[in-house]
Protein backbone atom coordinates (compact mmCIF):
# COMPACT_ATOMS: atom_id res chain seq x y z
CA MET A 1 -12.77 29.95 187.84
CA ARG A 2 -14.09 32.89 189.35
CA ILE A 3 -17.98 33.06 190.46
CA ALA A 4 -19.08 36.22 192.33
CA GLY A 5 -15.73 37.28 193.25
CA ILE A 6 -15.02 33.62 194.80
CA SER A 7 -12.17 31.82 193.69
CA PHE A 8 -12.89 27.78 193.97
CA LYS A 9 -9.39 27.16 194.72
CA ARG A 10 -9.71 29.36 198.10
CA VAL A 11 -12.54 27.45 198.73
CA LYS A 12 -10.81 24.25 198.49
CA LYS A 13 -7.68 25.23 200.69
CA SER A 14 -9.73 26.80 203.12
CA ARG A 15 -11.89 23.54 203.72
CA GLY A 16 -8.83 21.55 203.56
CA ARG A 17 -7.73 23.64 206.40
CA ALA A 18 -11.00 23.62 208.25
CA ALA A 19 -10.71 19.66 208.14
CA ALA A 20 -7.12 19.53 209.22
CA ALA A 21 -7.87 22.00 212.31
CA GLY A 22 -10.49 19.96 213.17
CA LEU A 23 -8.80 16.70 212.93
CA MET A 24 -6.05 18.35 215.16
CA VAL A 25 -8.89 19.25 217.74
CA LEU A 26 -9.52 15.81 217.73
CA VAL A 27 -6.23 14.08 218.21
CA LEU A 28 -5.57 16.37 221.32
CA ALA A 29 -8.65 15.91 222.96
CA SER A 30 -7.99 12.31 222.71
CA VAL A 31 -4.49 12.50 223.74
CA LEU A 32 -5.55 14.55 226.97
CA THR A 33 -8.33 11.74 227.49
CA ALA A 34 -6.15 9.28 227.45
CA ALA A 35 -3.50 11.13 229.64
CA CYS A 36 -6.35 11.74 232.32
CA THR A 37 -7.39 8.12 232.90
CA GLU A 38 -6.68 6.62 235.75
CA VAL A 39 -4.83 3.42 235.22
CA PRO A 40 -5.29 0.60 237.60
CA ASN A 41 -2.26 -0.71 239.61
CA PRO A 42 -2.86 -4.37 240.70
CA THR A 43 -1.41 -5.08 244.13
CA ALA A 44 1.19 -7.91 244.64
CA THR A 45 -1.35 -10.31 246.65
CA ALA A 46 -5.22 -10.01 246.58
CA VAL A 47 -7.25 -8.45 249.11
CA SER A 48 -10.21 -9.65 250.90
CA PHE A 49 -12.50 -7.99 252.97
CA GLU A 50 -14.44 -10.51 255.28
CA PRO A 51 -15.67 -8.14 258.04
CA THR A 52 -16.89 -9.83 261.25
CA PRO A 53 -20.25 -8.54 262.58
CA ALA A 54 -20.45 -6.98 266.05
CA ALA A 55 -22.63 -8.74 268.47
CA PRO A 56 -25.90 -6.95 269.29
CA GLY A 57 -25.28 -4.24 272.26
CA THR A 58 -21.71 -3.74 271.60
CA ARG A 59 -21.95 -0.20 269.91
CA ASP A 60 -23.23 0.83 273.62
CA LEU A 61 -20.03 -0.31 274.79
CA VAL A 62 -17.57 1.11 271.76
CA LEU A 63 -19.48 4.41 272.55
CA ALA A 64 -18.59 4.12 276.09
CA GLY A 65 -15.06 3.32 275.44
CA ALA A 66 -14.86 -0.21 276.46
CA SER A 67 -11.66 -2.03 275.55
CA ALA A 68 -11.25 -4.96 273.34
CA ALA A 69 -11.23 -7.36 276.35
CA ASP A 70 -14.32 -5.88 277.54
CA LEU A 71 -15.81 -6.06 273.91
CA ALA A 72 -14.68 -9.98 273.62
CA ALA A 73 -16.00 -10.84 276.86
CA PHE A 74 -19.33 -9.35 275.84
CA ALA A 75 -19.45 -11.14 272.74
CA ALA A 76 -18.81 -14.41 274.15
CA GLU A 77 -21.98 -14.16 276.38
CA PRO A 78 -25.37 -15.50 275.10
CA ILE A 79 -27.53 -12.92 274.32
CA GLU A 80 -29.92 -12.19 276.83
CA LEU A 81 -32.98 -10.97 275.09
CA PRO A 82 -35.87 -8.53 276.76
CA GLU A 83 -39.41 -9.69 276.75
CA GLY A 84 -40.42 -9.26 273.03
CA ASN A 85 -43.61 -7.83 271.34
CA ALA A 86 -45.24 -9.70 268.75
CA SER A 87 -47.12 -6.52 267.18
CA ASN A 88 -43.90 -4.79 266.99
CA GLY A 89 -42.47 -7.50 265.35
CA GLU A 90 -45.11 -7.69 262.70
CA ALA A 91 -44.34 -3.85 261.94
CA LEU A 92 -40.31 -4.81 261.57
CA HIS A 93 -41.56 -8.23 259.37
CA THR A 94 -43.03 -5.59 257.10
CA SER A 95 -40.45 -2.29 257.44
CA LEU A 96 -37.36 -4.53 257.15
CA GLY A 97 -38.69 -6.32 253.98
CA CYS A 98 -38.73 -9.86 255.71
CA ALA A 99 -41.98 -10.03 254.08
CA ALA A 100 -40.18 -10.14 250.38
CA CYS A 101 -39.16 -13.56 251.45
CA HIS A 102 -40.88 -14.95 254.01
CA SER A 103 -44.46 -15.55 254.30
CA VAL A 104 -46.24 -15.59 257.55
CA ALA A 105 -47.70 -19.09 256.28
CA ASP A 106 -46.15 -22.19 255.91
CA ASP A 107 -45.23 -21.50 252.00
CA VAL A 108 -41.90 -20.79 250.70
CA ILE A 109 -41.09 -17.66 248.92
CA VAL A 110 -37.36 -17.45 248.67
CA GLY A 111 -36.98 -18.36 252.27
CA PRO A 112 -38.88 -20.52 254.92
CA GLY A 113 -42.47 -19.61 255.99
CA TRP A 114 -42.57 -18.24 259.46
CA LYS A 115 -45.74 -20.52 260.32
CA GLY A 116 -44.08 -23.40 262.70
CA LEU A 117 -40.45 -21.83 262.45
CA TYR A 118 -40.07 -21.57 266.00
CA ALA A 119 -40.68 -25.52 266.78
CA ARG A 120 -38.43 -26.52 263.85
CA ALA A 121 -35.85 -24.00 265.14
CA GLY A 122 -35.83 -25.67 268.17
CA GLU A 123 -34.76 -29.38 266.68
CA ARG A 124 -32.62 -28.07 263.95
CA THR A 125 -29.23 -27.78 266.13
CA GLU A 126 -28.07 -27.91 269.58
CA LEU A 127 -29.06 -24.36 270.50
CA GLU A 128 -32.23 -23.21 271.65
CA ALA A 129 -35.00 -22.14 269.31
CA GLU A 130 -34.43 -18.62 270.65
CA ASP A 131 -30.85 -18.61 270.04
CA TYR A 132 -30.82 -20.12 266.84
CA LEU A 133 -33.29 -17.48 265.50
CA VAL A 134 -31.14 -15.01 266.88
CA GLN A 135 -28.05 -16.20 264.97
CA SER A 136 -30.13 -16.85 261.50
CA ILE A 137 -31.10 -13.30 262.10
CA ILE A 138 -27.90 -11.28 262.73
CA LYS A 139 -25.57 -14.36 260.80
CA PRO A 140 -27.95 -16.09 258.51
CA SER A 141 -24.65 -17.64 256.98
CA SER A 142 -23.97 -19.90 260.44
CA TYR A 143 -27.01 -22.15 259.85
CA ILE A 144 -28.49 -22.77 256.22
CA ALA A 145 -31.54 -24.87 256.16
CA GLU A 146 -31.41 -27.85 253.54
CA GLY A 147 -32.71 -26.91 250.47
CA PHE A 148 -32.18 -22.95 250.58
CA THR A 149 -28.93 -21.02 249.50
CA ASN A 150 -27.92 -18.37 251.80
CA VAL A 151 -29.13 -14.89 250.18
CA MET A 152 -30.44 -13.20 253.64
CA PRO A 153 -28.56 -10.44 254.53
CA ALA A 154 -27.37 -10.15 257.94
CA PHE A 155 -29.42 -7.75 260.40
CA ASP A 156 -26.70 -7.56 262.65
CA TYR A 157 -27.47 -3.98 263.25
CA LEU A 158 -30.69 -4.64 264.82
CA SER A 159 -31.25 -3.97 268.85
CA ASP A 160 -31.76 -6.71 271.33
CA GLN A 161 -35.41 -5.18 271.46
CA GLU A 162 -36.10 -5.66 267.80
CA LEU A 163 -34.67 -8.97 267.81
CA ALA A 164 -36.79 -10.28 270.72
CA ASP A 165 -39.86 -8.36 268.70
CA LEU A 166 -39.13 -10.28 265.48
CA ILE A 167 -38.62 -13.66 267.59
CA ALA A 168 -41.77 -13.08 269.36
CA PHE A 169 -43.54 -12.63 265.86
CA VAL A 170 -42.27 -15.82 264.71
CA LYS A 171 -42.96 -17.72 267.77
CA ALA A 172 -46.95 -16.42 267.62
CA ASN A 173 -47.10 -17.68 264.22
CA GLU A 174 -47.16 -21.33 265.73
């Protein structure tokens, strides 16, 4: 049957060819996509990554070219903090996000409130209150108070002055 000079047989054939060509393009694209996909290659043994945080102040030693023995000796020494500034510690409490989990009162948000924390810290372990708080800040998994979980990130990158300022702020909240 011919209408306006177009044969319906030809239209059917050309539609079939277009559909076949479209299908071929989809198959080819699928093959290329599958060929370019990265397949994970599992290792024979599990790999665990548990970095040890550096003690505050060791970065300066590393930059100065200290040896591994010097670093080990430094890490074994107790941290001698400078005089802290409670006002700077209050600013750090806000800027580091401590306020999201620790109130300055005695109420619990996620972590313990800081009111009276310095006195309680001195009673919890064999450490002095200041040393306990340093450990709780730079390696919070060391001591976890009963009723709390270990969700606090390690602030092991803080300088000795920043640690002293935070502890001075905690101490001022007695």
